N, C-alpha and C. Protein backbone atom coordinates (compact mmCIF):
# COMPACT_ATOMS: atom_id res chain seq x y z
N MET A 1 -64.89 15.31 -54.46
CA MET A 1 -65.76 16.31 -53.57
C MET A 1 -65.37 17.85 -53.43
N SER A 2 -66.01 19.00 -53.99
CA SER A 2 -65.12 19.85 -53.48
C SER A 2 -65.50 20.17 -52.18
N LYS A 3 -64.76 21.51 -52.12
CA LYS A 3 -64.90 21.84 -50.88
C LYS A 3 -66.44 22.56 -50.28
N ILE A 4 -66.90 23.02 -51.49
CA ILE A 4 -68.65 23.70 -51.41
C ILE A 4 -69.36 22.78 -50.91
N ASP A 5 -69.39 21.07 -51.90
CA ASP A 5 -69.92 20.32 -50.95
C ASP A 5 -69.87 19.64 -50.04
N ASP A 6 -68.57 19.37 -49.46
CA ASP A 6 -68.27 19.14 -48.01
C ASP A 6 -68.33 20.64 -47.18
N PHE A 7 -68.71 21.21 -47.52
CA PHE A 7 -68.95 22.52 -46.62
C PHE A 7 -70.36 22.47 -46.25
N ASN A 8 -71.60 22.09 -47.77
CA ASN A 8 -72.21 21.70 -47.53
C ASN A 8 -73.30 21.27 -46.96
N ARG A 9 -72.40 19.89 -46.91
CA ARG A 9 -72.40 18.54 -46.51
C ARG A 9 -72.61 18.74 -44.49
N LYS A 10 -71.92 19.27 -44.27
CA LYS A 10 -71.26 19.87 -43.11
C LYS A 10 -72.86 20.37 -42.28
N LEU A 11 -72.71 21.71 -43.32
CA LEU A 11 -73.63 22.90 -42.68
C LEU A 11 -75.03 21.91 -42.64
N ALA A 12 -75.14 20.92 -43.32
CA ALA A 12 -76.62 20.09 -43.27
C ALA A 12 -76.75 19.12 -42.25
N ALA A 13 -75.98 18.54 -41.44
CA ALA A 13 -75.47 17.34 -40.87
C ALA A 13 -75.49 18.30 -39.40
N LYS A 14 -74.98 19.55 -39.73
CA LYS A 14 -74.90 20.17 -37.86
C LYS A 14 -76.52 20.96 -38.08
N ILE A 15 -77.47 21.68 -38.81
CA ILE A 15 -78.81 21.82 -38.72
C ILE A 15 -79.55 20.92 -38.77
N THR A 16 -79.53 19.52 -39.25
CA THR A 16 -80.25 18.06 -38.94
C THR A 16 -79.99 17.79 -37.30
N SER A 17 -78.87 17.70 -36.79
CA SER A 17 -78.64 17.40 -35.71
C SER A 17 -79.27 18.56 -34.58
N GLY A 18 -79.57 19.61 -34.76
CA GLY A 18 -80.07 20.67 -34.24
C GLY A 18 -81.70 20.91 -34.37
N VAL A 19 -82.28 20.71 -35.48
CA VAL A 19 -83.37 20.35 -35.43
C VAL A 19 -84.16 19.00 -34.92
N ALA A 20 -83.03 18.16 -35.15
CA ALA A 20 -84.21 16.92 -34.23
C ALA A 20 -83.60 16.77 -32.76
N THR A 21 -83.67 17.54 -31.86
CA THR A 21 -83.83 18.00 -30.55
C THR A 21 -85.32 17.97 -30.12
N MET A 22 -85.52 17.84 -29.00
CA MET A 22 -86.87 18.16 -27.95
C MET A 22 -86.66 19.77 -28.30
N TRP A 23 -85.60 20.14 -27.88
CA TRP A 23 -85.59 21.61 -27.34
C TRP A 23 -86.01 22.50 -28.80
N CYS A 24 -85.48 22.32 -29.85
CA CYS A 24 -86.10 22.44 -30.54
C CYS A 24 -87.33 22.14 -30.88
N ALA A 25 -88.42 21.18 -30.92
CA ALA A 25 -89.30 21.38 -30.67
C ALA A 25 -90.56 22.29 -29.85
N TYR A 26 -89.68 22.94 -28.71
CA TYR A 26 -90.21 23.34 -27.82
C TYR A 26 -90.07 24.99 -28.40
N LEU A 27 -89.11 25.48 -29.19
CA LEU A 27 -88.90 26.75 -29.93
C LEU A 27 -89.64 26.97 -30.36
N PHE A 28 -89.85 26.14 -31.48
CA PHE A 28 -90.57 25.97 -32.52
C PHE A 28 -92.24 25.76 -32.00
N ALA A 29 -92.60 24.85 -30.55
CA ALA A 29 -93.93 25.31 -30.73
C ALA A 29 -93.88 27.09 -29.72
N ALA A 30 -93.46 27.29 -29.29
CA ALA A 30 -93.47 28.75 -28.56
C ALA A 30 -93.92 30.02 -30.03
N ILE A 31 -92.77 29.56 -31.09
CA ILE A 31 -92.84 30.56 -32.15
C ILE A 31 -94.20 30.21 -32.46
N ALA A 32 -94.63 29.42 -32.64
CA ALA A 32 -96.01 28.95 -33.43
C ALA A 32 -97.00 29.58 -32.63
N LEU A 33 -96.67 29.40 -31.23
CA LEU A 33 -97.53 29.89 -30.38
C LEU A 33 -98.21 32.11 -30.01
N ILE A 34 -97.07 32.40 -30.80
CA ILE A 34 -97.38 34.05 -31.28
C ILE A 34 -98.36 34.06 -31.89
N SER A 35 -98.17 33.16 -33.09
CA SER A 35 -99.92 33.44 -34.07
C SER A 35 -101.01 32.86 -33.45
N LEU A 36 -100.97 32.04 -32.44
CA LEU A 36 -102.17 31.46 -31.92
C LEU A 36 -103.51 32.99 -31.43
N PRO A 37 -103.24 33.82 -30.89
CA PRO A 37 -104.10 34.15 -30.95
C PRO A 37 -104.82 35.33 -31.65
N ALA A 38 -103.61 35.63 -33.03
CA ALA A 38 -104.40 36.18 -33.88
C ALA A 38 -105.43 35.04 -35.10
N ALA A 39 -104.86 34.39 -34.86
CA ALA A 39 -106.10 33.05 -35.36
C ALA A 39 -106.77 33.08 -34.24
N ILE A 40 -107.08 32.90 -33.57
CA ILE A 40 -108.77 32.76 -32.67
C ILE A 40 -108.99 34.07 -32.85
N ASN A 41 -108.96 34.98 -32.62
CA ASN A 41 -109.42 36.24 -32.67
C ASN A 41 -110.08 36.83 -34.08
N SER A 42 -109.55 35.87 -35.29
CA SER A 42 -110.39 36.04 -36.91
C SER A 42 -111.53 35.36 -36.60
N HIS A 43 -111.80 34.30 -35.38
CA HIS A 43 -113.40 33.54 -35.93
C HIS A 43 -113.51 32.86 -36.85
N ASN A 44 -112.35 32.63 -37.45
CA ASN A 44 -112.62 32.23 -39.10
C ASN A 44 -112.12 30.55 -38.99
N LEU A 45 -112.59 29.78 -39.16
CA LEU A 45 -112.90 27.85 -39.06
C LEU A 45 -111.66 27.48 -39.30
N ILE A 46 -111.45 28.53 -40.70
CA ILE A 46 -110.26 27.73 -41.65
C ILE A 46 -109.11 28.20 -41.29
N THR A 47 -108.75 29.49 -40.95
CA THR A 47 -108.26 30.07 -40.00
C THR A 47 -107.08 29.34 -38.70
N ILE A 48 -108.11 29.46 -38.17
CA ILE A 48 -107.83 27.88 -36.72
C ILE A 48 -107.13 26.97 -37.75
N VAL A 49 -107.97 26.17 -38.05
CA VAL A 49 -107.40 25.03 -38.70
C VAL A 49 -106.15 24.97 -39.87
N GLY A 50 -106.16 25.84 -40.41
CA GLY A 50 -104.80 26.62 -40.98
C GLY A 50 -103.64 26.75 -40.30
N TRP A 51 -104.29 27.30 -38.83
CA TRP A 51 -102.75 27.57 -38.15
C TRP A 51 -102.21 26.34 -36.99
N ILE A 52 -103.51 25.20 -37.28
CA ILE A 52 -103.36 24.10 -36.52
C ILE A 52 -102.42 23.17 -37.44
N ALA A 53 -102.75 23.08 -38.53
CA ALA A 53 -102.26 22.35 -39.50
C ALA A 53 -100.80 22.75 -39.78
N GLN A 54 -100.93 24.20 -40.46
CA GLN A 54 -99.74 24.52 -41.13
C GLN A 54 -98.79 25.12 -40.43
N THR A 55 -99.10 25.53 -39.57
CA THR A 55 -98.51 26.45 -38.19
C THR A 55 -97.47 25.51 -37.17
N PHE A 56 -98.83 25.02 -35.94
CA PHE A 56 -98.60 24.13 -35.31
C PHE A 56 -97.84 23.15 -35.73
N LEU A 57 -98.66 22.46 -36.02
CA LEU A 57 -98.33 20.47 -36.50
C LEU A 57 -97.04 20.43 -36.97
N GLN A 58 -96.89 21.55 -38.24
CA GLN A 58 -95.74 21.31 -39.31
C GLN A 58 -94.15 21.46 -38.35
N LEU A 59 -94.38 22.70 -37.66
CA LEU A 59 -93.24 23.08 -36.87
C LEU A 59 -92.69 22.20 -35.93
N VAL A 60 -93.38 21.99 -35.07
CA VAL A 60 -93.51 21.28 -34.03
C VAL A 60 -93.21 19.78 -34.20
N LEU A 61 -94.17 19.29 -35.16
CA LEU A 61 -94.21 17.63 -35.48
C LEU A 61 -92.68 17.36 -36.12
N LEU A 62 -92.30 18.46 -36.77
CA LEU A 62 -90.91 17.68 -37.93
C LEU A 62 -89.96 17.62 -36.93
N SER A 63 -89.73 18.30 -35.49
CA SER A 63 -88.38 18.22 -34.27
C SER A 63 -88.91 16.68 -33.73
N ILE A 64 -90.05 16.50 -33.55
CA ILE A 64 -90.61 15.41 -32.79
C ILE A 64 -90.45 14.57 -33.31
N ILE A 65 -90.59 14.54 -34.96
CA ILE A 65 -90.43 13.05 -35.61
C ILE A 65 -89.05 12.61 -35.94
N MET A 66 -87.71 13.74 -36.06
CA MET A 66 -86.63 13.49 -36.01
C MET A 66 -85.85 13.02 -34.94
N VAL A 67 -86.91 13.17 -33.77
CA VAL A 67 -86.33 12.92 -32.59
C VAL A 67 -86.47 11.62 -32.38
N GLY A 68 -88.11 10.92 -32.81
CA GLY A 68 -88.25 9.61 -32.58
C GLY A 68 -87.71 8.59 -33.39
N GLN A 69 -86.79 9.16 -34.72
CA GLN A 69 -86.45 8.59 -35.81
C GLN A 69 -84.79 8.09 -34.93
N ASN A 70 -84.34 9.09 -34.52
CA ASN A 70 -83.00 9.27 -33.83
C ASN A 70 -83.08 8.05 -32.71
N VAL A 71 -84.07 7.65 -31.99
CA VAL A 71 -84.46 6.55 -31.09
C VAL A 71 -84.58 5.72 -31.43
N ALA A 72 -85.11 5.53 -32.49
CA ALA A 72 -85.48 4.02 -32.88
C ALA A 72 -84.37 3.72 -33.63
N SER A 73 -83.26 4.70 -34.61
CA SER A 73 -82.48 4.27 -35.17
C SER A 73 -81.01 3.70 -34.36
N ALA A 74 -81.43 4.48 -33.02
CA ALA A 74 -80.20 4.20 -31.76
C ALA A 74 -80.74 2.54 -31.24
N SER A 75 -81.79 2.33 -31.20
CA SER A 75 -82.69 1.13 -30.85
C SER A 75 -82.03 0.27 -31.72
N VAL A 76 -82.31 0.25 -33.08
CA VAL A 76 -81.92 -0.49 -34.17
C VAL A 76 -80.41 -1.19 -34.11
N GLU A 77 -79.71 0.31 -33.93
CA GLU A 77 -78.25 -0.01 -33.70
C GLU A 77 -77.55 -0.45 -32.97
N GLN A 78 -78.22 -0.59 -31.79
CA GLN A 78 -77.99 -1.69 -30.35
C GLN A 78 -78.60 -2.90 -30.41
N LYS A 79 -79.29 -3.21 -31.36
CA LYS A 79 -79.98 -4.63 -31.78
C LYS A 79 -78.67 -4.95 -32.62
N ILE A 80 -78.47 -3.88 -33.61
CA ILE A 80 -77.05 -5.02 -34.49
C ILE A 80 -76.09 -4.84 -34.00
N ASN A 81 -75.65 -4.20 -33.08
CA ASN A 81 -74.06 -4.43 -32.07
C ASN A 81 -74.52 -5.61 -31.22
N GLU A 82 -75.64 -6.07 -30.92
CA GLU A 82 -75.82 -6.93 -30.31
C GLU A 82 -75.55 -8.24 -30.46
N THR A 83 -76.41 -7.96 -31.83
CA THR A 83 -76.68 -9.70 -32.96
C THR A 83 -75.16 -9.45 -33.13
N HIS A 84 -74.53 -8.81 -33.63
CA HIS A 84 -72.98 -8.58 -34.46
C HIS A 84 -71.98 -9.32 -33.00
N ALA A 85 -72.12 -8.53 -31.69
CA ALA A 85 -71.08 -9.60 -30.89
C ALA A 85 -71.36 -10.73 -30.27
N ALA A 86 -72.81 -11.17 -30.37
CA ALA A 86 -72.96 -12.23 -30.46
C ALA A 86 -72.75 -13.41 -32.03
N SER A 87 -72.74 -12.94 -32.64
CA SER A 87 -72.30 -13.70 -33.99
C SER A 87 -70.97 -14.06 -33.76
N LEU A 88 -70.13 -13.07 -33.37
CA LEU A 88 -68.93 -13.04 -33.53
C LEU A 88 -68.45 -14.10 -32.43
N GLY A 89 -68.98 -14.30 -31.15
CA GLY A 89 -69.10 -14.79 -30.52
C GLY A 89 -69.09 -16.44 -30.90
N GLU A 90 -70.63 -16.62 -31.51
CA GLU A 90 -70.93 -17.90 -32.08
C GLU A 90 -69.95 -18.59 -32.80
N PHE A 91 -69.27 -17.40 -33.90
CA PHE A 91 -67.88 -17.70 -35.07
C PHE A 91 -66.96 -18.44 -34.12
N GLU A 92 -66.45 -18.11 -33.28
CA GLU A 92 -65.48 -18.56 -31.90
C GLU A 92 -65.86 -19.67 -31.70
N LEU A 93 -66.78 -19.85 -31.18
CA LEU A 93 -67.16 -21.15 -30.34
C LEU A 93 -67.59 -22.15 -31.47
N ALA A 94 -67.64 -21.65 -33.09
CA ALA A 94 -67.59 -22.91 -33.76
C ALA A 94 -66.05 -22.91 -34.51
N LYS A 95 -65.23 -22.27 -34.43
CA LYS A 95 -63.41 -22.63 -34.90
C LYS A 95 -63.07 -23.23 -33.77
N GLU A 96 -63.33 -23.35 -32.35
CA GLU A 96 -62.77 -24.13 -31.21
C GLU A 96 -63.17 -25.41 -31.72
N ALA A 97 -64.58 -25.61 -31.90
CA ALA A 97 -65.70 -26.64 -32.31
C ALA A 97 -64.61 -27.59 -33.61
N ARG A 98 -64.50 -26.39 -34.81
CA ARG A 98 -63.95 -27.25 -35.57
C ARG A 98 -62.20 -27.76 -35.56
N THR A 99 -61.50 -26.64 -34.50
CA THR A 99 -60.14 -27.05 -33.93
C THR A 99 -60.14 -28.54 -33.07
N LEU A 100 -61.04 -28.87 -32.67
CA LEU A 100 -61.31 -29.83 -31.72
C LEU A 100 -61.86 -31.13 -32.01
N ALA A 101 -62.64 -30.95 -33.42
CA ALA A 101 -62.79 -32.10 -34.29
C ALA A 101 -62.01 -32.64 -35.01
N ASN A 102 -61.01 -31.52 -35.76
CA ASN A 102 -59.53 -32.00 -36.49
C ASN A 102 -58.82 -32.69 -35.58
N GLN A 103 -58.44 -32.37 -34.72
CA GLN A 103 -57.77 -32.83 -33.55
C GLN A 103 -58.33 -34.68 -33.29
N GLU A 104 -59.63 -34.84 -32.84
CA GLU A 104 -60.13 -35.39 -32.50
C GLU A 104 -60.06 -36.92 -33.71
N LEU A 105 -60.19 -36.17 -34.79
CA LEU A 105 -60.30 -36.89 -36.55
C LEU A 105 -58.77 -37.36 -36.51
N ALA A 106 -57.63 -36.50 -36.55
CA ALA A 106 -56.09 -37.02 -36.12
C ALA A 106 -56.32 -38.08 -35.37
N GLU A 107 -56.70 -38.00 -34.01
CA GLU A 107 -56.16 -38.96 -32.55
C GLU A 107 -57.03 -40.25 -33.79
N LEU A 108 -58.24 -40.14 -33.82
CA LEU A 108 -59.37 -41.18 -34.69
C LEU A 108 -58.04 -42.02 -35.75
N LYS A 109 -58.05 -41.16 -36.88
CA LYS A 109 -56.76 -41.76 -37.90
C LYS A 109 -55.70 -42.71 -36.84
N GLU A 110 -54.98 -41.82 -36.27
CA GLU A 110 -53.69 -42.61 -35.54
C GLU A 110 -54.38 -44.12 -34.77
N ILE A 111 -55.35 -44.09 -34.02
CA ILE A 111 -56.01 -45.05 -33.44
C ILE A 111 -56.57 -46.19 -34.49
N ALA A 112 -56.74 -45.97 -36.05
CA ALA A 112 -57.13 -46.62 -37.22
C ALA A 112 -55.93 -47.52 -37.36
N ALA A 113 -55.17 -46.61 -37.38
CA ALA A 113 -53.44 -47.43 -38.21
C ALA A 113 -52.90 -47.77 -37.41
N ASP A 114 -53.03 -47.84 -35.97
CA ASP A 114 -52.38 -48.79 -34.96
C ASP A 114 -53.09 -50.14 -35.09
N ILE A 115 -54.71 -50.10 -34.95
CA ILE A 115 -55.75 -51.11 -35.08
C ILE A 115 -55.21 -52.32 -36.43
N HIS A 116 -54.61 -50.94 -37.76
CA HIS A 116 -54.65 -51.65 -39.24
C HIS A 116 -53.19 -52.65 -38.43
N ARG A 117 -52.50 -52.21 -38.13
CA ARG A 117 -51.14 -52.91 -37.59
C ARG A 117 -51.07 -53.73 -36.59
N VAL A 118 -51.91 -53.71 -35.96
CA VAL A 118 -52.09 -54.59 -34.74
C VAL A 118 -52.79 -55.93 -35.36
N LEU A 119 -53.90 -55.47 -36.28
CA LEU A 119 -54.62 -56.76 -37.16
C LEU A 119 -53.70 -57.49 -37.82
N LYS A 120 -53.02 -56.60 -38.79
CA LYS A 120 -51.95 -57.37 -39.81
C LYS A 120 -50.88 -58.03 -38.79
N ASP A 121 -49.76 -57.67 -37.58
CA ASP A 121 -49.42 -58.36 -37.07
C ASP A 121 -49.84 -59.97 -36.34
N ILE A 122 -51.18 -59.88 -36.04
CA ILE A 122 -52.26 -60.59 -35.55
C ILE A 122 -52.08 -61.59 -36.74
N GLU A 123 -52.48 -61.36 -38.14
CA GLU A 123 -52.50 -62.33 -39.25
C GLU A 123 -51.13 -62.78 -38.98
N GLY A 124 -49.72 -61.80 -39.21
CA GLY A 124 -48.71 -62.18 -39.44
C GLY A 124 -48.26 -63.48 -38.72
N ASN A 125 -48.90 -63.45 -37.63
CA ASN A 125 -48.74 -64.41 -36.49
C ASN A 125 -49.33 -65.94 -36.82
N LYS A 126 -50.10 -65.44 -36.95
CA LYS A 126 -51.64 -66.63 -37.32
C LYS A 126 -50.70 -67.27 -38.85
N ARG A 127 -50.01 -66.72 -39.47
CA ARG A 127 -48.88 -67.56 -40.56
C ARG A 127 -48.33 -68.30 -40.46
């Protein structure tokens, strides 16, 4: 990756983080409102609708949608982190259960070997 590509990525990230704020939405709304009187004074329905759709909505909603996406993304990230933590906890419990099961199996093998020895001793004593 070249220095220019790195610079472009960093600049794009800074601009995106700046535009994705409610303060930017307020600024865009104020900028859009500057041309509102001219649109109204035109008494032209198409000009007024154009101002609403192209000027106000596009400018203001851009930032608001980006803020909403950041909020939704943060919520998803929190859920992922909680799920990950819970999964790690379950994994640790499973490891402990496996260790316990292996210990119990070893003890059962010892008991079974003891029972076999006792049974052999009893068999040997009967003869």
